[in-house]
Protein backbone atom coordinates (compact mmCIF):
# COMPACT_ATOMS: atom_id res chain seq x y z
CA MET A 1 -40.90 21.08 0.78
CA ASP A 2 -42.90 17.76 1.37
CA THR A 3 -41.66 14.56 2.61
CA LEU A 4 -41.32 12.95 -0.63
CA SER A 5 -39.07 15.52 -2.11
CA LEU A 6 -36.73 15.54 0.81
CA PHE A 7 -36.58 11.85 0.55
CA VAL A 8 -35.54 12.29 -3.30
CA ILE A 9 -32.76 14.60 -2.15
CA PHE A 10 -31.54 12.55 0.40
CA ALA A 11 -31.60 9.55 -1.58
CA ILE A 12 -29.54 11.21 -4.68
CA THR A 13 -26.90 12.87 -2.22
CA PHE A 14 -26.38 9.35 -0.60
CA PHE A 15 -26.25 7.80 -3.91
CA CYS A 16 -23.63 10.54 -4.96
CA ILE A 17 -21.46 9.87 -2.04
CA ALA A 18 -21.48 6.28 -2.35
CA VAL A 19 -20.13 6.44 -5.92
CA ILE A 20 -17.49 9.02 -4.97
CA HIS A 21 -16.29 7.25 -1.59
CA ILE A 22 -16.55 3.59 -3.15
CA GLY A 23 -17.11 3.44 -6.70
CA ILE A 24 -14.45 5.23 -7.97
CA PRO A 25 -11.83 3.92 -5.78
CA TYR A 26 -13.02 0.33 -6.91
CA VAL A 27 -12.98 0.94 -10.46
CA LEU A 28 -9.63 2.64 -10.29
CA ARG A 29 -8.06 -0.06 -8.04
CA ASN A 30 -9.06 -2.67 -10.23
CA ALA A 31 -7.95 -0.76 -13.56
CA ILE A 32 -4.50 -0.07 -12.04
CA ALA A 33 -4.20 -3.74 -10.60
CA LYS A 34 -4.73 -5.17 -13.94
CA SER A 35 -2.76 -3.01 -15.80
CA VAL A 36 0.17 -3.77 -13.45
CA LEU A 37 -0.58 -7.32 -13.71
CA ARG A 38 -0.35 -7.33 -17.68
CA GLN A 39 2.88 -5.81 -17.57
CA ARG A 40 4.87 -7.31 -14.63
CA VAL A 41 3.63 -10.83 -13.96
CA ARG A 42 5.37 -13.97 -15.17
CA ASN A 43 3.37 -17.05 -15.26
CA ASP A 44 6.47 -19.01 -14.06
CA LYS A 45 7.18 -16.98 -10.90
CA ILE A 46 5.91 -16.60 -7.66
CA TYR A 47 5.69 -13.59 -6.24
CA LEU A 48 6.56 -13.55 -2.53
CA THR A 49 5.33 -10.27 -0.63
CA PHE A 50 5.59 -9.05 3.22
CA ASP A 51 3.41 -6.16 4.28
CA ASP A 52 3.20 -4.06 7.51
CA GLY A 53 6.89 -4.11 8.51
CA PRO A 54 9.76 -3.78 9.26
CA ASP A 55 9.20 -5.64 12.43
CA PRO A 56 12.40 -5.49 14.86
CA THR A 57 11.43 -9.51 15.53
CA SER A 58 9.99 -11.23 12.82
CA THR A 59 11.40 -9.46 9.61
CA PRO A 60 15.31 -10.39 10.44
CA LEU A 61 13.84 -14.03 11.05
CA ILE A 62 12.46 -13.67 7.39
CA LEU A 63 15.30 -12.05 5.82
CA ASP A 64 17.86 -14.72 7.53
CA THR A 65 15.27 -17.58 6.01
CA LEU A 66 15.29 -15.89 2.47
CA LYS A 67 19.11 -15.60 2.46
CA LYS A 68 19.68 -18.98 3.14
CA ASN A 69 17.39 -20.33 0.40
CA GLY A 70 18.25 -18.05 -1.98
CA VAL A 71 14.88 -16.37 -2.39
CA LYS A 72 14.18 -12.45 -3.19
CA ALA A 73 11.16 -10.89 -2.01
CA THR A 74 9.32 -7.86 -1.96
CA PHE A 75 8.70 -5.74 1.43
CA PHE A 76 5.83 -3.00 1.51
CA VAL A 77 6.98 -1.13 4.56
CA ILE A 78 4.90 1.28 6.72
CA GLY A 79 6.74 4.71 6.89
CA GLU A 80 6.14 5.07 10.74
CA ALA A 81 7.79 1.55 11.49
CA LEU A 82 11.17 3.19 9.55
CA GLU A 83 11.72 5.40 12.34
CA ASN A 84 12.76 2.54 14.82
CA THR A 85 13.99 -0.07 11.96
CA PRO A 86 16.20 1.97 9.63
CA ASP A 87 18.98 -0.81 9.94
CA ILE A 88 16.49 -3.59 8.98
CA LEU A 89 15.48 -1.28 5.75
CA ARG A 90 19.15 -1.03 4.72
CA ARG A 91 19.48 -4.67 5.01
CA ILE A 92 16.33 -5.45 3.28
CA HIS A 93 17.70 -3.00 0.64
CA ASP A 94 21.04 -4.35 1.03
CA GLU A 95 20.10 -7.80 0.06
CA GLY A 96 18.67 -7.25 -3.04
CA HIS A 97 14.81 -7.45 -2.25
CA SER A 98 12.09 -4.97 -3.72
CA ILE A 99 10.65 -2.23 -1.38
CA GLY A 100 7.66 -0.95 -1.63
CA SER A 101 5.53 1.58 0.30
CA HIS A 102 2.29 0.54 2.49
CA SER A 103 1.87 4.17 3.37
CA GLN A 104 2.79 6.15 6.55
CA ILE A 105 0.61 5.08 9.12
CA HIS A 106 -1.76 2.48 7.14
CA THR A 107 -5.09 4.22 7.17
CA HIS A 108 -7.92 1.58 5.82
CA ALA A 109 -8.51 3.16 2.72
CA TRP A 110 -12.30 2.19 2.74
CA ARG A 111 -12.98 3.73 6.01
CA THR A 112 -11.58 7.14 5.26
CA LEU A 113 -11.79 9.98 2.90
CA PRO A 114 -10.08 9.15 -0.50
CA TRP A 115 -7.79 12.47 -0.12
CA THR A 116 -6.91 11.38 3.15
CA SER A 117 -5.76 7.83 2.12
CA TYR A 118 -3.81 9.50 -0.75
CA GLY A 119 -2.17 11.67 1.56
CA ASP A 120 -0.77 8.62 4.15
CA ILE A 121 0.46 6.83 0.66
CA ARG A 122 2.25 9.99 -0.25
CA LYS A 123 3.70 10.38 2.92
CA GLY A 124 4.67 6.84 3.20
CA MET A 125 6.58 7.30 -0.30
CA ALA A 126 8.57 10.12 1.27
CA SER A 127 9.81 8.10 3.99
CA LEU A 128 11.25 5.67 1.76
CA GLU A 129 12.78 8.53 -0.23
CA LYS A 130 13.95 10.34 2.65
CA ARG A 131 16.19 7.02 3.61
CA GLY A 132 17.46 6.77 0.13
CA ILE A 133 14.99 4.18 -1.46
CA GLU A 134 13.49 5.19 -4.77
CA SER A 135 10.49 2.77 -5.40
CA ASN A 136 7.27 2.79 -7.23
CA LEU A 137 5.60 0.02 -5.49
CA TRP A 138 2.99 0.84 -3.09
């Protein structure tokens, strides 16, 4: 094979990998986000969310502030963090806040393979279910 043929094969392979690893997740994420926003968002409300918890120091303070002001929020929790903070998760639930999964260990979706990210999301949802929390938010 000549150099030009090898270059063409390399370029096509690189393009295909880029489309699969970057393009498809980008299109799906935007399509899903637009679909969810059309169904759930109201123009007369503000949606307050907290990610990457629960944190044993800051989450109780946040919950105290929300309770004091009669505000509800959505907490996107990391499954791994739930191991050490089951009481905080229960408090979030008992105080009427929404709970969603922010995956099990919060892998960076753009830096891992799609099936790795998907597995991390599934494990995070399973961590919530294991603790009796039903959610379809992630």
